[in-house]
Protein backbone atom coordinates (compact mmCIF):
# COMPACT_ATOMS: atom_id res chain seq x y z
CA MET A 1 87.60 93.19 84.78
CA ILE A 2 88.00 96.18 82.52
CA ARG A 3 91.39 97.86 82.47
CA PHE A 4 91.79 101.59 82.07
CA ALA A 5 94.84 103.32 80.62
CA LEU A 6 94.02 106.26 82.84
CA PHE A 7 94.44 104.76 86.29
CA LEU A 8 94.05 106.27 89.72
CA THR A 9 96.17 109.38 89.26
CA VAL A 10 95.90 111.98 91.98
CA ILE A 11 95.89 115.40 90.33
CA CYS A 12 96.37 118.62 92.25
CA VAL A 13 94.39 121.31 90.46
CA GLY A 14 95.87 124.78 90.82
CA ALA A 15 92.48 126.49 90.72
CA ALA A 16 91.14 124.42 93.59
CA SER A 17 90.96 125.85 97.08
CA ALA A 18 93.41 124.85 99.80
CA ASP A 19 90.67 122.74 101.35
CA ALA A 20 89.89 120.58 98.31
CA ARG A 21 91.66 118.36 95.82
CA SER A 22 90.71 116.69 92.57
CA VAL A 23 91.19 113.00 91.89
CA VAL A 24 90.77 111.01 88.68
CA ASP A 25 89.53 107.53 89.63
CA ALA A 26 89.23 104.29 87.67
CA THR A 27 86.04 105.46 85.96
CA GLY A 28 87.87 108.38 84.38
CA ARG A 29 85.83 110.89 86.40
CA THR A 30 87.46 113.89 88.04
CA VAL A 31 86.08 114.05 91.59
CA THR A 32 86.65 116.91 93.99
CA ILE A 33 87.33 115.65 97.51
CA PRO A 34 87.91 117.51 100.79
CA ASP A 35 91.48 117.80 101.95
CA ARG A 36 90.47 117.06 105.54
CA ILE A 37 88.87 113.61 105.75
CA SER A 38 87.93 111.85 108.97
CA ARG A 39 85.00 109.59 107.97
CA VAL A 40 85.40 107.26 104.99
CA LEU A 41 82.51 104.98 104.08
CA PRO A 42 83.50 101.74 102.32
CA ALA A 43 81.01 100.82 99.62
CA GLY A 44 81.35 97.08 100.28
CA PRO A 45 83.56 94.39 101.83
CA PRO A 46 86.56 94.79 99.47
CA ALA A 47 86.80 98.52 100.22
CA ALA A 48 86.37 97.88 103.96
CA VAL A 49 89.36 95.52 103.95
CA LEU A 50 91.48 97.98 101.98
CA LEU A 51 90.66 100.77 104.43
CA ALA A 52 91.39 98.54 107.42
CA ALA A 53 94.95 98.33 106.16
CA ILE A 54 95.50 101.94 105.11
CA ALA A 55 93.31 104.12 107.32
CA PRO A 56 91.55 102.18 110.10
CA ASP A 57 91.13 105.38 112.09
CA GLU A 58 89.21 107.01 109.24
CA SER A 59 87.23 103.98 108.10
CA MET A 60 83.64 103.85 109.32
CA GLY A 61 83.78 100.05 109.61
CA PHE A 62 82.59 96.96 107.74
CA THR A 63 79.47 96.16 105.76
CA ALA A 64 78.90 92.82 107.52
CA PRO A 65 79.34 91.52 111.08
CA LEU A 66 82.87 90.27 111.70
CA PRO A 67 83.50 86.81 113.16
CA ASN A 68 85.56 86.74 116.36
CA PRO A 69 88.77 85.44 114.69
CA ALA A 70 88.67 88.39 112.30
CA LYS A 71 88.04 90.84 115.12
CA ALA A 72 91.10 89.49 116.92
CA ALA A 73 93.25 90.08 113.84
CA LEU A 74 92.15 93.61 112.88
CA PRO A 75 92.89 97.09 114.25
CA VAL A 76 91.07 97.50 117.55
CA GLU A 77 89.34 100.70 116.41
CA LEU A 78 87.43 98.69 113.79
CA ALA A 79 86.70 95.40 115.49
CA ASP A 80 83.49 96.27 117.35
CA ARG A 81 81.88 98.88 115.11
CA PRO A 82 78.30 98.12 114.02
CA PRO A 83 77.80 96.89 110.42
CA LEU A 84 77.35 99.49 107.71
CA PRO A 85 74.92 99.40 104.76
CA ARG A 86 76.35 98.48 101.37
CA LEU A 87 76.34 100.81 98.40
CA THR A 88 74.16 98.38 96.43
CA ALA A 89 71.51 98.11 99.18
CA GLY A 90 69.79 101.44 98.42
CA HIS A 91 70.17 102.95 101.89
CA ASP A 92 70.48 106.68 102.53
CA LEU A 93 74.26 106.70 102.85
CA GLY A 94 74.36 110.47 103.11
CA ALA A 95 72.61 110.18 106.48
CA LEU A 96 75.77 108.55 107.83
CA HIS A 97 77.63 111.81 107.13
CA PRO A 98 80.76 110.42 105.46
CA ASP A 99 83.35 112.80 104.06
CA LEU A 100 84.15 110.33 101.27
CA ILE A 101 82.81 107.05 99.86
CA ILE A 102 85.30 104.55 98.44
CA ASP A 103 84.35 101.59 96.27
CA TYR A 104 86.94 98.97 95.37
CA GLY A 105 86.58 96.06 93.00
CA THR A 106 85.34 95.35 89.49
CA VAL A 107 85.41 98.31 87.12
CA SER A 108 82.41 97.51 84.96
CA PRO A 109 79.52 99.60 83.59
CA ARG A 110 77.36 98.52 86.54
CA TYR A 111 79.79 99.78 89.16
CA ILE A 112 80.75 102.88 87.19
CA ASP A 113 77.06 103.87 87.06
CA LEU A 114 76.63 102.99 90.74
CA SER A 115 79.53 105.24 91.72
CA ARG A 116 78.23 108.16 89.68
CA ASP A 117 74.64 107.70 90.88
CA THR A 118 75.69 107.47 94.53
CA GLN A 119 77.57 110.74 94.34
CA ALA A 120 74.69 112.45 92.56
CA ARG A 121 72.15 111.11 95.06
CA THR A 122 74.08 111.77 98.29
CA GLY A 123 76.30 114.68 97.37
CA VAL A 124 79.21 112.78 98.92
CA PRO A 125 82.38 112.42 96.77
CA THR A 126 82.50 108.80 95.60
CA LEU A 127 85.58 107.10 94.14
CA LEU A 128 85.85 103.70 92.45
CA PHE A 129 89.22 101.91 92.43
CA ASP A 130 90.24 98.87 90.40
CA GLY A 131 90.43 95.79 92.65
CA ALA A 132 92.65 93.67 90.40
CA LEU A 133 95.42 91.86 92.26
CA ASP A 134 98.15 93.33 90.10
CA HIS A 135 96.87 96.87 90.79
CA ILE A 136 96.98 96.64 94.58
CA ALA A 137 100.27 98.51 94.99
CA ALA A 138 99.13 101.42 92.80
CA VAL A 139 95.73 101.62 94.49
CA ALA A 140 97.31 101.52 97.95
CA ARG A 141 99.62 104.42 97.18
CA THR A 142 96.79 106.43 95.66
CA VAL A 143 94.42 105.87 98.58
CA GLY A 144 97.26 106.51 101.02
CA ALA A 145 97.90 109.88 99.40
CA ILE A 146 94.20 110.79 99.43
CA LEU A 147 93.79 109.90 103.10
CA HIS A 148 97.18 111.25 104.23
CA ARG A 149 98.38 107.79 105.28
CA PRO A 150 101.41 107.30 102.98
CA GLU A 151 103.41 105.16 105.41
CA ARG A 152 100.72 102.53 105.95
CA ALA A 153 99.94 102.56 102.23
CA GLU A 154 103.58 102.05 101.32
CA THR A 155 103.83 99.04 103.63
CA LEU A 156 100.90 97.40 101.85
CA ALA A 157 102.21 98.39 98.41
CA ARG A 158 105.65 96.88 99.02
CA MET A 159 104.16 93.70 100.44
CA ALA A 160 101.97 93.39 97.35
CA GLU A 161 104.91 93.93 95.02
CA ALA A 162 107.02 91.34 96.82
CA ILE A 163 104.27 88.70 96.73
CA LEU A 164 103.43 89.33 93.08
CA ALA A 165 107.13 89.00 92.21
CA MET A 166 107.49 85.63 93.96
CA PRO A 167 108.14 82.79 91.49
CA ALA A 168 105.56 80.03 91.35
CA GLY A 169 108.23 77.32 91.13
CA HIS A 170 106.80 73.80 91.34
CA ALA A 171 103.33 75.23 91.87
CA ALA A 172 103.07 76.53 88.30
CA HIS A 173 100.64 75.21 85.67
CA ARG A 174 98.23 73.28 87.89
CA THR A 175 94.56 72.43 87.50
CA VAL A 176 92.43 73.41 90.49
CA TYR A 177 88.92 72.64 91.68
CA TYR A 178 87.72 75.40 94.03
CA ALA A 179 84.36 75.20 95.76
CA ARG A 180 82.20 76.69 98.49
CA GLY A 181 79.79 74.84 100.73
CA ALA A 182 80.05 72.39 103.61
CA ASP A 183 79.86 69.52 101.12
CA GLY A 184 82.52 71.01 98.81
CA LEU A 185 80.23 70.67 95.81
CA LEU A 186 79.50 74.27 94.80
CA ALA A 187 82.25 74.66 92.21
CA ALA A 188 83.52 78.08 91.14
CA ALA A 189 83.45 78.70 87.41
CA PRO A 190 86.61 79.65 85.51
CA GLY A 191 87.25 83.13 84.16
CA THR A 192 85.58 85.13 86.94
CA GLU A 193 86.74 87.45 89.70
CA ILE A 194 86.15 84.60 92.16
CA THR A 195 88.90 82.56 90.55
CA ALA A 196 91.17 85.49 89.61
CA ILE A 197 93.89 84.35 92.02
CA PHE A 198 94.23 81.08 90.10
CA THR A 199 94.32 82.87 86.75
CA LEU A 200 97.18 85.02 88.02
CA MET A 201 98.99 81.84 89.07
CA GLY A 202 98.58 80.45 85.55
CA TRP A 203 96.35 77.65 86.84
CA THR A 204 93.39 76.14 85.00
CA VAL A 205 90.12 76.16 86.94
CA ALA A 206 88.22 72.87 86.64
CA ALA A 207 84.43 72.95 86.99
CA PRO A 208 81.45 71.07 85.53
CA ASN A 209 79.79 72.55 82.47
CA GLY A 210 77.10 75.09 83.18
CA ASN A 211 76.30 78.75 83.67
CA GLY A 212 76.82 81.17 86.51
CA LEU A 213 79.60 81.95 88.94
CA PHE A 214 79.09 78.63 90.76
CA ARG A 215 78.00 75.23 89.47
CA ALA A 216 76.65 72.19 91.30
CA ALA A 217 79.04 69.23 91.21
CA ASP A 218 79.28 65.69 92.52
CA VAL A 219 82.22 63.49 93.42
CA GLN A 220 82.03 61.60 90.13
CA GLN A 221 82.31 64.84 88.17
CA ILE A 222 85.29 65.95 90.27
CA ALA A 223 86.95 62.60 89.59
CA ALA A 224 86.38 63.08 85.85
CA LEU A 225 87.87 66.57 86.01
CA ASP A 226 90.86 65.07 87.87
CA PRO A 227 92.25 68.33 89.28
CA ASP A 228 95.81 68.55 90.59
CA VAL A 229 94.59 70.62 93.54
CA ILE A 230 91.32 70.80 95.47
CA ILE A 231 90.70 73.91 97.57
CA LEU A 232 87.51 74.30 99.59
CA SER A 233 86.46 77.53 101.27
CA ASP A 234 84.24 76.27 104.08
CA PRO A 235 85.97 74.91 107.22
CA ALA A 236 82.95 72.62 107.68
CA ALA A 237 84.10 70.73 104.57
CA ARG A 238 87.20 69.39 106.35
CA GLY A 239 85.39 66.13 107.04
CA VAL A 240 84.47 65.81 103.36
CA ILE A 241 88.11 65.69 102.35
CA ALA A 242 88.67 62.87 104.87
CA SER A 243 85.67 60.85 103.67
CA ALA A 244 85.89 57.55 101.85
CA ALA A 245 84.18 58.95 98.75
CA TRP A 246 86.73 61.75 98.38
CA ALA A 247 89.68 59.50 99.21
CA LYS A 248 89.47 58.15 95.66
CA LEU A 249 90.32 61.56 94.17
CA ARG A 250 93.93 61.94 93.04
CA ALA A 251 94.37 65.37 94.65
CA VAL A 252 93.25 63.93 97.99
CA ARG A 253 95.55 60.92 97.71
CA GLU A 254 98.50 63.17 96.91
CA GLY A 255 97.82 65.54 99.82
CA HIS A 256 96.78 68.42 97.57
CA ALA A 257 93.26 68.90 99.00
CA VAL A 258 92.94 71.62 101.65
CA ILE A 259 90.67 74.18 103.25
CA ALA A 260 91.69 77.73 102.32
CA PRO A 261 92.81 79.80 105.33
CA LEU A 262 90.31 82.42 106.48
CA VAL A 263 92.20 84.72 108.86
CA PRO A 264 91.35 87.51 108.97
CA PHE A 265 89.49 87.03 105.68
CA GLY A 266 89.37 84.35 102.99
CA TRP A 267 92.69 83.91 101.23
CA VAL A 268 91.16 83.06 97.84
CA GLU A 269 88.11 85.25 97.21
CA GLU A 270 86.00 86.27 100.19
CA PRO A 271 86.03 89.23 99.89
CA PRO A 272 87.99 89.93 96.67
CA SER A 273 90.37 92.42 98.22
CA ILE A 274 93.96 92.64 99.46
CA ASN A 275 93.46 89.46 101.53
CA ARG A 276 94.03 87.52 98.29
CA LEU A 277 97.71 88.46 98.44
CA LEU A 278 98.04 85.93 101.25
CA GLY A 279 96.41 83.28 99.09
CA LEU A 280 98.72 84.06 96.20
CA ALA A 281 101.84 83.68 98.34
CA TRP A 282 100.38 80.53 99.91
CA LEU A 283 99.81 78.93 96.52
CA LYS A 284 103.32 79.87 95.46
CA GLY A 285 104.69 77.86 98.35
CA ALA A 286 105.36 80.41 101.09
CA ASP A 287 105.30 79.23 104.71
CA SER A 288 101.67 80.08 105.39
CA ALA A 289 101.88 80.59 109.15
CA SER A 290 104.97 82.81 109.03
CA LEU A 291 103.56 84.73 106.09
CA ALA A 292 100.25 85.35 107.83
CA ALA A 293 101.92 86.53 111.02
CA LEU A 294 104.18 88.94 109.13
CA PHE A 295 101.43 90.22 106.84
CA ASN A 296 98.96 90.82 109.65
CA ALA A 297 101.43 92.64 111.87
CA SER A 298 102.78 94.74 109.01
CA VAL A 299 99.61 95.51 107.06
CA TYR A 300 96.89 95.54 109.72
CA GLY A 301 99.15 96.48 112.62
CA ARG A 302 98.02 93.67 114.92
CA ALA A 303 99.68 90.40 115.87
CA LEU A 304 97.79 87.15 115.30
CA THR A 305 96.96 84.94 118.25
CA THR A 306 98.82 81.66 118.71
CA GLY A 307 95.65 79.77 117.90
CA GLN A 308 95.17 81.63 114.65
CA VAL A 309 98.74 80.96 113.54
CA GLU A 310 98.48 77.27 114.43
CA ALA A 311 95.23 76.91 112.48
CA ILE A 312 96.80 78.44 109.39
CA ALA A 313 99.87 76.19 109.67
CA GLY A 314 97.70 73.13 109.14
CA ASN A 315 96.57 74.25 105.67
CA THR A 316 99.79 73.94 103.70
CA ILE A 317 100.06 72.74 100.10
CA SER A 318 103.42 71.27 99.16
CA PHE A 319 104.40 70.51 95.57
CA HIS A 320 107.44 68.47 94.59
């Protein structure tokens, strides 16, 4: 992910009218936005999650159908809205009549061009914000100022700062195998946004040799990699961890093989948004159930159900 020295500074331009402001986003562009905003279109899942925390009343919803556990954990004004098209899908986003489009994630030439092209094509002000974990607090405060939601933004920003400042303790310097799929054999490659949470922890991502964001693996290859920790993203893979074939793996024997929590979104990388703060605190050793309950009530403004909290409590990693 490219870093920019000029980062998300809201600039009030004296020559602008009382009904407009200018913002410099992560692309370095100066974008004029309306002062009165009531409809904000998220460009993709990461932006939708960010807006659910900061301005659920202004967000137009999510770009994919939400599972019921997520609906039960999110602001009620968002839970049942129909899915929106994504920025990359080529739909006529202007027909949705947003006041503002917000993209959030990787700042790369592809997404810089996409942001510029979308604004040129639709005439709707379009902003791109850096989705890096260590930029969450700054992005939250910037978006909160833009959308006139400073209190909600500050809650998220302070939570992010507290989690980032937590020491890793005994969890530091581990090797991790992280995979998708019901069989736990679609391994995430190191050095990508998918595994950014582990990089921030100082962990080494173990994966078979190959190309692409994910690589096919088998149990013998995982055994040869000998990771300290195994984290799988699909709840259907729970039986895999309990199987005889996987029981031979050191991480399984030591109780360091788990399914990543998913409420209201994946704690590791799906989508790569503020939900990863929960994963970061979880890996650092925080009480996962208590953390999730506090985070959800504070950031999303809705209490988790008892069932959701109990499900999260069963996915704890303990290092000694």
